[in-house]
């Protein structure tokens, strides 16, 4: 009983649910390709001597990969466990 009350206190809000619903429509490899693209653009910027822009764009890759991982988890496990328990 206590566990169910604890889970209900930590349920997701309507904004998070709406964002997850929309991002779940994207294929998981979209984020992978976006990360690879940011790395390629970063290499190109580095080759043209734009070091600061290269570092900035290169730092997008891990963020995009984490978004992809989150997207995959939401698709497989659902966005909110309390939603399934009710």
C-alpha atoms as a PDB file:
ATOM      1  CA  UNK A   1       0.000   0.000   0.000  1.00  0.00           C
ATOM      2  CA  UNK A   2       2.796   2.372   0.942  1.00  0.00           C
ATOM      3  CA  UNK A   3       4.620   1.642  -2.330  1.00  0.00           C
ATOM      4  CA  UNK A   4       1.559   2.555  -4.403  1.00  0.00           C
ATOM      5  CA  UNK A   5       1.190   5.884  -2.596  1.00  0.00           C
ATOM      6  CA  UNK A   6       4.893   6.584  -3.104  1.00  0.00           C
ATOM      7  CA  UNK A   7       4.596   5.865  -6.839  1.00  0.00           C
ATOM      8  CA  UNK A   8       1.550   8.098  -7.167  1.00  0.00           C
ATOM      9  CA  UNK A   9       3.477  10.995  -5.637  1.00  0.00           C
ATOM     10  CA  UNK A  10       6.176  10.638  -8.308  1.00  0.00           C
ATOM     11  CA  UNK A  11       3.975  10.286 -11.376  1.00  0.00           C
ATOM     12  CA  UNK A  12       4.746  12.263 -14.520  1.00  0.00           C
ATOM     13  CA  UNK A  13       2.984  15.479 -15.354  1.00  0.00           C
ATOM     14  CA  UNK A  14       0.901  16.127 -18.467  1.00  0.00           C
ATOM     15  CA  UNK A  15       3.689  18.044 -20.240  1.00  0.00           C
ATOM     16  CA  UNK A  16       6.203  15.197 -19.838  1.00  0.00           C
ATOM     17  CA  UNK A  17       3.595  12.689 -20.994  1.00  0.00           C
ATOM     18  CA  UNK A  18       2.810  14.781 -24.083  1.00  0.00           C
ATOM     19  CA  UNK A  19       6.499  15.159 -24.985  1.00  0.00           C
ATOM     20  CA  UNK A  20       7.095  11.422 -24.583  1.00  0.00           C
ATOM     21  CA  UNK A  21       4.053  10.625 -26.691  1.00  0.00           C
ATOM     22  CA  UNK A  22       5.355  12.785 -29.554  1.00  0.00           C
ATOM     23  CA  UNK A  23       9.000  11.674 -29.360  1.00  0.00           C
ATOM     24  CA  UNK A  24       7.956   8.015 -29.239  1.00  0.00           C
ATOM     25  CA  UNK A  25       6.730   8.463 -32.816  1.00  0.00           C
ATOM     26  CA  UNK A  26      10.332   8.988 -33.983  1.00  0.00           C
ATOM     27  CA  UNK A  27      12.364   5.929 -34.958  1.00  0.00           C
ATOM     28  CA  UNK A  28      15.108   5.221 -32.411  1.00  0.00           C
ATOM     29  CA  UNK A  29      17.848   5.431 -35.019  1.00  0.00           C
ATOM     30  CA  UNK A  30      16.933   9.066 -35.770  1.00  0.00           C
ATOM     31  CA  UNK A  31      18.924  10.126 -32.725  1.00  0.00           C
ATOM     32  CA  UNK A  32      21.848   7.885 -33.716  1.00  0.00           C
ATOM     33  CA  UNK A  33      22.025   9.434 -37.188  1.00  0.00           C
ATOM     34  CA  UNK A  34      21.724  12.931 -35.719  1.00  0.00           C
ATOM     35  CA  UNK A  35      24.657  12.189 -33.392  1.00  0.00           C
ATOM     36  CA  UNK A  36      26.742  10.839 -36.266  1.00  0.00           C
ATOM     37  CA  UNK A  37      25.829  13.931 -38.287  1.00  0.00           C
ATOM     38  CA  UNK A  38      26.926  16.251 -35.498  1.00  0.00           C
ATOM     39  CA  UNK A  39      30.260  14.429 -35.298  1.00  0.00           C
ATOM     40  CA  UNK A  40      30.738  14.771 -39.070  1.00  0.00           C
ATOM     41  CA  UNK A  41      29.911  18.480 -38.969  1.00  0.00           C
ATOM     42  CA  UNK A  42      32.301  18.863 -36.040  1.00  0.00           C
ATOM     43  CA  UNK A  43      35.120  17.245 -38.035  1.00  0.00           C
ATOM     44  CA  UNK A  44      34.361  19.498 -41.007  1.00  0.00           C
ATOM     45  CA  UNK A  45      34.409  22.601 -38.808  1.00  0.00           C
ATOM     46  CA  UNK A  46      37.697  21.491 -37.258  1.00  0.00           C
ATOM     47  CA  UNK A  47      39.181  21.005 -40.741  1.00  0.00           C
ATOM     48  CA  UNK A  48      38.170  24.534 -41.724  1.00  0.00           C
ATOM     49  CA  UNK A  49      39.827  25.996 -38.629  1.00  0.00           C
ATOM     50  CA  UNK A  50      36.661  26.848 -36.698  1.00  0.00           C
ATOM     51  CA  UNK A  51      37.750  25.201 -33.458  1.00  0.00           C
ATOM     52  CA  UNK A  52      35.156  26.726 -31.111  1.00  0.00           C
ATOM     53  CA  UNK A  53      32.253  25.903 -33.427  1.00  0.00           C
ATOM     54  CA  UNK A  54      33.676  22.402 -33.847  1.00  0.00           C
ATOM     55  CA  UNK A  55      33.724  21.785 -30.103  1.00  0.00           C
ATOM     56  CA  UNK A  56      30.229  23.228 -29.711  1.00  0.00           C
ATOM     57  CA  UNK A  57      28.703  21.005 -32.401  1.00  0.00           C
ATOM     58  CA  UNK A  58      30.750  17.985 -31.286  1.00  0.00           C
ATOM     59  CA  UNK A  59      29.233  18.202 -27.827  1.00  0.00           C
ATOM     60  CA  UNK A  60      25.779  17.557 -29.263  1.00  0.00           C
ATOM     61  CA  UNK A  61      26.614  13.898 -29.980  1.00  0.00           C
ATOM     62  CA  UNK A  62      26.436  12.539 -26.405  1.00  0.00           C
ATOM     63  CA  UNK A  63      23.258  14.504 -25.730  1.00  0.00           C
ATOM     64  CA  UNK A  64      21.590  13.131 -28.849  1.00  0.00           C
ATOM     65  CA  UNK A  65      22.664   9.589 -27.942  1.00  0.00           C
ATOM     66  CA  UNK A  66      21.152   9.992 -24.469  1.00  0.00           C
ATOM     67  CA  UNK A  67      17.923  11.283 -26.032  1.00  0.00           C
ATOM     68  CA  UNK A  68      17.897   8.176 -28.231  1.00  0.00           C
ATOM     69  CA  UNK A  69      18.422   5.923 -25.232  1.00  0.00           C
ATOM     70  CA  UNK A  70      15.617   7.656 -23.338  1.00  0.00           C
ATOM     71  CA  UNK A  71      13.359   7.360 -26.388  1.00  0.00           C
ATOM     72  CA  UNK A  72      14.035   3.636 -26.602  1.00  0.00           C
ATOM     73  CA  UNK A  73      13.366   3.135 -22.887  1.00  0.00           C
ATOM     74  CA  UNK A  74      10.067   5.001 -23.112  1.00  0.00           C
ATOM     75  CA  UNK A  75       9.017   2.843 -26.054  1.00  0.00           C
ATOM     76  CA  UNK A  76       9.900  -0.411 -24.299  1.00  0.00           C
ATOM     77  CA  UNK A  77       8.907   0.293 -20.716  1.00  0.00           C
ATOM     78  CA  UNK A  78       6.293   3.017 -21.021  1.00  0.00           C
ATOM     79  CA  UNK A  79       6.539   6.531 -19.696  1.00  0.00           C
ATOM     80  CA  UNK A  80       5.079   6.031 -16.258  1.00  0.00           C
ATOM     81  CA  UNK A  81       4.759   2.828 -14.249  1.00  0.00           C
ATOM     82  CA  UNK A  82       1.919   4.208 -12.136  1.00  0.00           C
ATOM     83  CA  UNK A  83      -0.090   4.760 -15.309  1.00  0.00           C
ATOM     84  CA  UNK A  84       0.030   1.020 -16.001  1.00  0.00           C
ATOM     85  CA  UNK A  85      -0.669   0.069 -12.370  1.00  0.00           C
ATOM     86  CA  UNK A  86      -3.915   2.035 -12.171  1.00  0.00           C
END
